[in-house]
Protein backbone atom coordinates (compact mmCIF):
# COMPACT_ATOMS: atom_id res chain seq x y z
CA UNK A 1 120.27 81.25 73.95
CA UNK A 2 117.36 82.87 75.43
CA UNK A 3 113.99 82.23 73.74
CA UNK A 4 111.31 84.76 73.20
CA UNK A 5 109.14 82.79 75.92
CA UNK A 6 112.12 83.11 78.38
CA UNK A 7 112.40 86.79 77.66
CA UNK A 8 108.49 87.30 78.24
CA UNK A 9 108.38 85.27 81.51
CA UNK A 10 111.80 86.95 82.56
CA UNK A 11 110.44 90.49 82.13
CA UNK A 12 107.24 89.49 84.37
CA UNK A 13 109.12 87.65 86.99
CA UNK A 14 111.97 90.37 87.13
CA UNK A 15 109.21 93.10 87.11
CA UNK A 16 107.61 91.37 90.06
CA UNK A 17 111.08 91.21 91.94
CA UNK A 18 112.13 94.71 91.25
CA UNK A 19 108.63 96.15 91.69
CA UNK A 20 108.41 94.69 95.06
CA UNK A 21 112.10 95.81 96.00
CA UNK A 22 111.47 99.37 94.82
CA UNK A 23 108.01 99.77 96.56
CA UNK A 24 109.50 98.15 99.71
CA UNK A 25 112.71 100.60 99.60
CA UNK A 26 110.59 103.73 98.81
CA UNK A 27 107.99 102.78 101.62
CA UNK A 28 110.42 101.91 104.25
CA UNK A 29 111.36 105.42 105.71
CA UNK A 30 107.51 106.04 105.83
CA UNK A 31 106.50 102.98 107.62
CA UNK A 32 104.32 103.45 110.70
CA UNK A 33 103.77 107.09 109.95
CA UNK A 34 100.53 108.81 109.40
CA UNK A 35 99.82 110.30 105.81
CA UNK A 36 100.15 113.94 107.11
CA UNK A 37 103.31 113.26 109.44
CA UNK A 38 105.04 111.42 106.43
CA UNK A 39 104.44 114.30 104.10
CA UNK A 40 105.77 116.76 106.68
CA UNK A 41 109.09 114.67 106.95
CA UNK A 42 109.72 113.45 103.57
CA UNK A 43 107.76 115.68 101.30
CA UNK A 44 105.06 114.96 98.53
CA UNK A 45 105.78 113.11 95.29
CA UNK A 46 107.77 112.72 93.27
CA UNK A 47 109.25 110.01 95.43
CA UNK A 48 113.05 109.35 95.80
CA UNK A 49 114.96 107.17 98.02
CA UNK A 50 115.46 108.58 101.35
CA UNK A 51 116.47 105.91 103.72
CA UNK A 52 120.30 106.37 103.56
CA UNK A 53 121.80 109.36 101.53
CA UNK A 54 119.67 109.20 98.53
CA UNK A 55 119.46 105.37 98.60
CA UNK A 56 117.14 102.66 99.66
CA UNK A 57 117.04 99.34 101.29
CA UNK A 58 114.64 96.43 101.17
CA UNK A 59 113.02 94.72 104.28
CA UNK A 60 111.24 91.58 104.98
CA UNK A 61 108.76 92.05 102.06
CA UNK A 62 111.41 91.69 99.44
CA UNK A 63 113.32 89.05 101.24
CA UNK A 64 110.08 86.87 101.44
CA UNK A 65 109.56 87.14 97.68
CA UNK A 66 113.20 86.13 97.08
CA UNK A 67 112.73 83.12 99.31
CA UNK A 68 109.67 82.18 97.51
CA UNK A 69 111.62 82.44 94.17
CA UNK A 70 114.28 80.23 95.53
CA UNK A 71 111.65 77.60 96.78
CA UNK A 72 109.87 77.48 93.79
CA UNK A 73 113.00 76.71 91.79
CA UNK A 74 113.76 73.93 94.18
CA UNK A 75 110.21 72.43 94.33
CA UNK A 76 110.01 71.29 90.73
CA UNK A 77 106.19 71.95 91.06
CA UNK A 78 105.85 69.87 94.23
CA UNK A 79 103.92 71.70 96.92
CA UNK A 80 105.22 69.49 99.66
CA UNK A 81 108.73 69.99 98.51
CA UNK A 82 108.07 73.86 98.31
CA UNK A 83 106.96 73.91 101.83
CA UNK A 84 110.03 72.17 103.13
CA UNK A 85 112.42 74.26 101.21
CA UNK A 86 110.66 77.67 102.23
CA UNK A 87 110.40 76.28 105.78
CA UNK A 88 114.12 75.97 105.93
CA UNK A 89 114.75 79.28 104.25
CA UNK A 90 112.66 80.99 106.76
CA UNK A 91 114.29 79.37 109.65
CA UNK A 92 117.84 80.44 108.31
CA UNK A 93 116.31 83.81 107.54
CA UNK A 94 115.37 84.49 111.26
CA UNK A 95 119.07 83.69 112.42
CA UNK A 96 120.27 86.48 110.33
CA UNK A 97 118.43 89.01 112.79
CA UNK A 98 116.22 90.51 110.15
CA UNK A 99 114.84 94.14 110.95
CA UNK A 100 111.00 94.53 111.01
CA UNK A 101 109.89 90.82 111.13
CA UNK A 102 106.37 90.62 111.94
CA UNK A 103 105.38 89.15 115.38
CA UNK A 104 103.16 86.44 113.82
CA UNK A 105 105.88 85.32 111.37
CA UNK A 106 108.56 85.31 113.91
CA UNK A 107 106.29 83.08 116.41
CA UNK A 108 105.78 80.64 113.51
CA UNK A 109 109.48 80.38 112.74
CA UNK A 110 110.37 79.84 116.19
CA UNK A 111 107.63 76.91 116.14
CA UNK A 112 109.50 75.53 113.06
CA UNK A 113 112.82 75.52 114.89
CA UNK A 114 111.11 73.80 117.70
CA UNK A 115 109.88 70.94 115.34
CA UNK A 116 106.61 71.86 114.27
CA UNK A 117 105.93 71.00 110.63
CA UNK A 118 105.22 73.85 108.04
CA UNK A 119 101.55 72.56 107.98
CA UNK A 120 101.22 73.18 111.75
CA UNK A 121 103.60 75.98 112.47
CA UNK A 122 101.33 78.91 111.65
CA UNK A 123 99.75 81.09 114.28
CA UNK A 124 96.18 82.73 114.46
CA UNK A 125 96.75 85.95 112.92
CA UNK A 126 95.39 88.25 110.10
CA UNK A 127 98.72 89.96 109.41
CA UNK A 128 99.77 90.75 105.91
CA UNK A 129 102.85 88.48 105.88
CA UNK A 130 101.25 85.85 103.52
CA UNK A 131 100.13 88.75 101.17
CA UNK A 132 103.75 89.89 100.54
CA UNK A 133 104.64 86.37 99.65
CA UNK A 134 101.66 86.11 97.24
CA UNK A 135 102.55 88.44 94.24
CA UNK A 136 105.68 86.31 93.22
CA UNK A 137 103.48 83.04 93.38
CA UNK A 138 100.82 84.57 91.19
CA UNK A 139 103.24 85.56 88.58
CA UNK A 140 105.05 82.31 88.53
CA UNK A 141 101.73 80.35 88.19
CA UNK A 142 100.61 82.50 85.32
CA UNK A 143 102.94 80.29 83.38
CA UNK A 144 102.34 77.10 85.01
CA UNK A 145 99.62 74.46 85.78
CA UNK A 146 96.46 75.23 87.88
CA UNK A 147 98.04 74.53 91.26
CA UNK A 148 98.35 78.29 92.38
CA UNK A 149 95.89 77.82 95.37
CA UNK A 150 97.72 74.81 96.71
CA UNK A 151 100.98 76.94 96.93
CA UNK A 152 99.30 79.80 98.34
CA UNK A 153 97.80 77.57 100.89
CA UNK A 154 101.15 76.06 101.77
CA UNK A 155 102.80 79.61 102.07
CA UNK A 156 100.04 81.03 104.05
CA UNK A 157 99.81 78.34 106.67
CA UNK A 158 103.30 78.14 107.46
CA UNK A 159 103.04 81.33 109.35
CA UNK A 160 99.32 82.51 109.42
CA UNK A 161 96.25 80.24 110.17
CA UNK A 162 93.33 82.91 110.15
CA UNK A 163 91.07 82.31 107.28
CA UNK A 164 91.25 86.02 106.49
CA UNK A 165 94.97 85.76 105.95
CA UNK A 166 94.54 82.96 103.44
CA UNK A 167 91.72 84.49 101.32
CA UNK A 168 93.84 87.95 101.28
CA UNK A 169 96.93 86.14 99.98
CA UNK A 170 94.88 84.11 97.50
CA UNK A 171 93.36 87.46 96.11
CA UNK A 172 96.71 89.16 95.85
CA UNK A 173 98.24 85.89 94.12
CA UNK A 174 95.11 85.89 91.75
CA UNK A 175 95.49 89.38 90.78
CA UNK A 176 99.28 89.00 90.05
CA UNK A 177 98.36 85.90 87.83
CA UNK A 178 95.72 88.04 86.06
CA UNK A 179 98.03 91.08 85.66
CA UNK A 180 100.82 88.77 84.27
CA UNK A 181 98.37 86.95 81.70
CA UNK A 182 96.45 89.95 80.47
CA UNK A 183 98.57 93.15 81.15
CA UNK A 184 97.15 96.57 81.87
CA UNK A 185 94.17 95.95 79.56
CA UNK A 186 92.51 93.49 81.83
CA UNK A 187 88.79 94.13 82.65
CA UNK A 188 88.31 94.66 86.38
CA UNK A 189 84.50 94.10 86.45
CA UNK A 190 84.29 90.40 85.79
CA UNK A 191 87.53 89.81 88.05
CA UNK A 192 86.11 91.53 90.94
CA UNK A 193 82.62 89.95 90.39
CA UNK A 194 84.45 86.35 90.41
CA UNK A 195 86.26 87.12 93.39
CA UNK A 196 83.29 88.35 95.41
CA UNK A 197 81.60 84.85 94.64
CA UNK A 198 84.59 83.03 95.89
CA UNK A 199 85.50 84.96 99.08
CA UNK A 200 83.74 83.95 102.25
CA UNK A 201 84.91 86.79 104.67
CA UNK A 202 82.07 89.41 104.54
CA UNK A 203 84.43 92.31 105.31
CA UNK A 204 86.65 91.47 102.40
CA UNK A 205 83.55 90.89 100.02
CA UNK A 206 82.24 94.08 100.95
CA UNK A 207 85.69 95.69 100.26
CA UNK A 208 85.62 94.11 96.84
CA UNK A 209 82.19 95.60 96.04
CA UNK A 210 83.56 99.09 97.30
CA UNK A 211 86.44 98.74 94.89
CA UNK A 212 84.19 98.24 91.97
CA UNK A 213 82.04 101.28 93.09
CA UNK A 214 85.03 103.65 93.38
CA UNK A 215 86.58 102.56 90.17
CA UNK A 216 83.40 103.31 88.27
CA UNK A 217 83.41 106.87 89.99
CA UNK A 218 87.11 107.10 89.26
CA UNK A 219 88.08 108.03 92.83
CA UNK A 220 91.44 108.66 93.80
CA UNK A 221 93.37 106.03 96.20
CA UNK A 222 93.03 108.73 99.04
CA UNK A 223 89.20 108.83 98.72
CA UNK A 224 89.06 104.90 98.57
CA UNK A 225 91.13 104.49 101.62
CA UNK A 226 88.96 107.05 103.46
CA UNK A 227 85.89 105.14 102.41
CA UNK A 228 87.41 102.19 104.14
CA UNK A 229 88.10 104.35 107.22
CA UNK A 230 91.92 104.57 106.78
CA UNK A 231 92.25 108.20 107.10
CA UNK A 232 95.73 108.07 108.84
CA UNK A 233 97.33 105.26 106.97
CA UNK A 234 96.69 101.58 105.84
CA UNK A 235 97.34 99.20 108.71
CA UNK A 236 98.99 95.82 108.70
CA UNK A 237 95.62 94.02 108.90
CA UNK A 238 95.26 92.03 105.81
CA UNK A 239 91.67 93.22 105.20
CA UNK A 240 92.95 96.72 105.01
CA UNK A 241 96.28 95.97 103.03
CA UNK A 242 94.63 93.83 100.44
CA UNK A 243 91.64 96.06 99.32
CA UNK A 244 93.91 99.16 98.95
CA UNK A 245 96.61 97.34 97.06
CA UNK A 246 93.94 96.02 94.70
CA UNK A 247 92.43 99.29 94.22
CA UNK A 248 95.58 101.07 93.48
CA UNK A 249 96.63 98.30 91.09
CA UNK A 250 93.32 98.39 89.19
CA UNK A 251 92.90 102.30 89.47
CA UNK A 252 96.45 103.06 87.66
CA UNK A 253 96.98 100.19 85.48
CA UNK A 254 99.32 101.80 83.08
CA UNK A 255 101.58 103.94 85.22
CA UNK A 256 104.08 102.23 87.58
CA UNK A 257 105.07 105.53 89.20
CA UNK A 258 101.64 106.92 89.91
CA UNK A 259 100.53 103.60 91.37
CA UNK A 260 103.43 103.30 93.76
CA UNK A 261 103.41 106.96 94.76
CA UNK A 262 99.54 106.79 95.51
CA UNK A 263 99.87 103.87 97.76
CA UNK A 264 102.94 104.79 99.63
CA UNK A 265 101.83 108.25 100.34
CA UNK A 266 98.64 106.92 102.08
CA UNK A 267 100.88 106.31 105.20
CA UNK A 268 100.73 103.44 107.60
CA UNK A 269 102.43 100.14 106.69
CA UNK A 270 103.94 101.88 103.64
CA UNK A 271 106.78 99.41 102.78
CA UNK A 272 104.39 96.47 102.63
CA UNK A 273 101.62 98.19 100.65
CA UNK A 274 104.47 99.53 98.39
CA UNK A 275 105.99 96.16 97.82
CA UNK A 276 102.69 94.53 97.04
CA UNK A 277 101.61 97.07 94.67
CA UNK A 278 105.03 97.26 93.22
CA UNK A 279 105.04 93.42 92.65
CA UNK A 280 101.52 93.62 91.07
CA UNK A 281 102.48 96.40 88.79
CA UNK A 282 105.84 94.93 87.80
CA UNK A 283 103.98 91.54 86.99
CA UNK A 284 101.50 93.50 84.84
CA UNK A 285 103.76 96.03 83.00
CA UNK A 286 107.07 94.09 82.98
CA UNK A 287 110.46 95.28 84.29
CA UNK A 288 110.91 97.66 81.57
CA UNK A 289 107.92 99.97 83.09
CA UNK A 290 109.79 100.52 86.35
CA UNK A 291 111.81 103.72 86.68
CA UNK A 292 115.43 102.87 86.30
CA UNK A 293 116.52 105.55 88.78
CA UNK A 294 114.41 103.91 91.45
CA UNK A 295 116.12 100.43 90.85
CA UNK A 296 119.58 101.87 90.75
CA UNK A 297 118.93 103.67 93.86
CA UNK A 298 118.67 100.35 95.92
CA UNK A 299 121.97 99.90 97.68
CA UNK A 300 121.36 96.28 98.51
CA UNK A 301 124.35 93.78 99.22
CA UNK A 302 125.19 90.70 99.01
CA UNK A 303 121.78 90.21 97.24
CA UNK A 304 122.17 93.32 95.09
CA UNK A 305 119.69 94.26 92.32
CA UNK A 306 122.00 92.55 89.91
CA UNK A 307 121.81 89.27 91.88
CA UNK A 308 117.95 89.63 91.90
CA UNK A 309 117.90 90.03 88.30
CA UNK A 310 119.94 86.94 87.66
CA UNK A 311 117.71 85.12 90.18
CA UNK A 312 114.58 86.28 87.92
CA UNK A 313 116.39 85.15 84.93
CA UNK A 314 117.08 81.65 86.39
CA UNK A 315 113.64 81.27 87.54
CA UNK A 316 112.22 82.20 84.11
CA UNK A 317 114.67 79.60 82.37
CA UNK A 318 113.29 77.18 84.78
CA UNK A 319 109.68 77.92 84.14
CA UNK A 320 110.29 77.95 80.28
CA UNK A 321 112.29 74.88 79.85
CA UNK A 322 111.88 72.79 82.90
CA UNK A 323 115.68 72.68 83.49
CA UNK A 324 116.80 72.00 87.14
CA UNK A 325 118.56 75.25 88.14
CA UNK A 326 120.08 76.61 91.47
CA UNK A 327 119.68 80.15 92.75
CA UNK A 328 122.84 82.51 92.21
CA UNK A 329 125.25 82.43 94.83
CA UNK A 330 126.17 84.96 97.47
CA UNK A 331 128.60 85.43 100.24
CA UNK A 332 126.06 84.61 103.00
CA UNK A 333 127.99 85.69 105.98
CA UNK A 334 127.48 89.20 104.53
CA UNK A 335 123.73 89.01 105.40
CA UNK A 336 124.26 89.46 109.07
CA UNK A 337 126.62 92.45 108.68
CA UNK A 338 124.11 94.04 106.31
CA UNK A 339 121.31 93.22 108.67
CA UNK A 340 123.05 94.78 111.63
CA UNK A 341 123.78 97.97 109.46
CA UNK A 342 119.99 98.02 108.56
CA UNK A 343 118.89 97.89 112.17
CA UNK A 344 121.02 100.87 113.06
CA UNK A 345 119.80 102.71 110.00
CA UNK A 346 116.14 102.02 111.22
CA UNK A 347 117.00 102.94 114.84
CA UNK A 348 118.28 106.18 113.66
CA UNK A 349 114.94 106.76 111.66
CA UNK A 350 113.04 106.00 114.75
CA UNK A 351 114.93 108.60 116.57
CA UNK A 352 114.32 111.05 113.84
CA UNK A 353 110.76 110.75 114.10
CA UNK A 354 110.79 112.27 117.55
CA UNK A 355 112.09 115.65 116.11
CA UNK A 356 110.16 118.13 114.27
CA UNK A 357 108.46 118.70 111.91
CA UNK A 358 105.42 117.41 113.42
């Protein structure tokens, strides 16, 4: 029998997973396009799935969140065990020929295959890979002991060693934890002030101060992005991705749809910014706040949205009871077929971008 605590945890965990999947899938067709060009091709909000005949597919952002969830279940609170399990899941994930994998992440996984340990496999990069694994970690550790920073460190160093990647991932994880614990009524001012005291990178610290300033002014997401110099889209640099994601999450705390549409229509690395904001909003508001049509429109297989929900439920049960549970099964050979199909779809969209409207 499901307890009230399991239901509460499950709503937040599933909200984070579904939020990331929805943001990822809605943003994927727009990835790499400027704000203006994306609007010319795909139109203005309201957003709908436009990758494949009115349906969407997820990319590495959601896949990394799923691997984190599976590794957390296997780790039983042990960071070293978490690192081992996540490293093997990353190795096997690379064998499936995933589309859109980041260069730094690919190099790190190759090092894992060549014998480097998870503590030394990372490469010097400030890409946003660690940030896309952070929302689920923050959501999970809202219900657990004070070991979040240890798990964020393990997850980050596996692929990225630049201190900026570490601090950016930590901020996203802390935001997810705060949203999970306090919901949309959390007060941004003390949160931002605390983060400014704990962040070393001057660019990131200045960006946090800018967030506070623009929140006080009620600026739109577009205005904030322009203040950061991101007039044509949000890049994959973590010091661009993280401030924009945090601003949108704090600017539209009660409205999942408005937050996601605001960040995706900024352009640039739209699948990752969409996934991170979707994860933060899903963890803050719960799964019930995510538009059902957006969830139904995700045409994933063999890890379907039903499979993701079951994964979230089992993870919630594990967190609530301490029971040792395994992730739900799936037909793993289907992943290679699925990834080949996604590659063809992505290539089609790449060719589509060569055609008008410009």
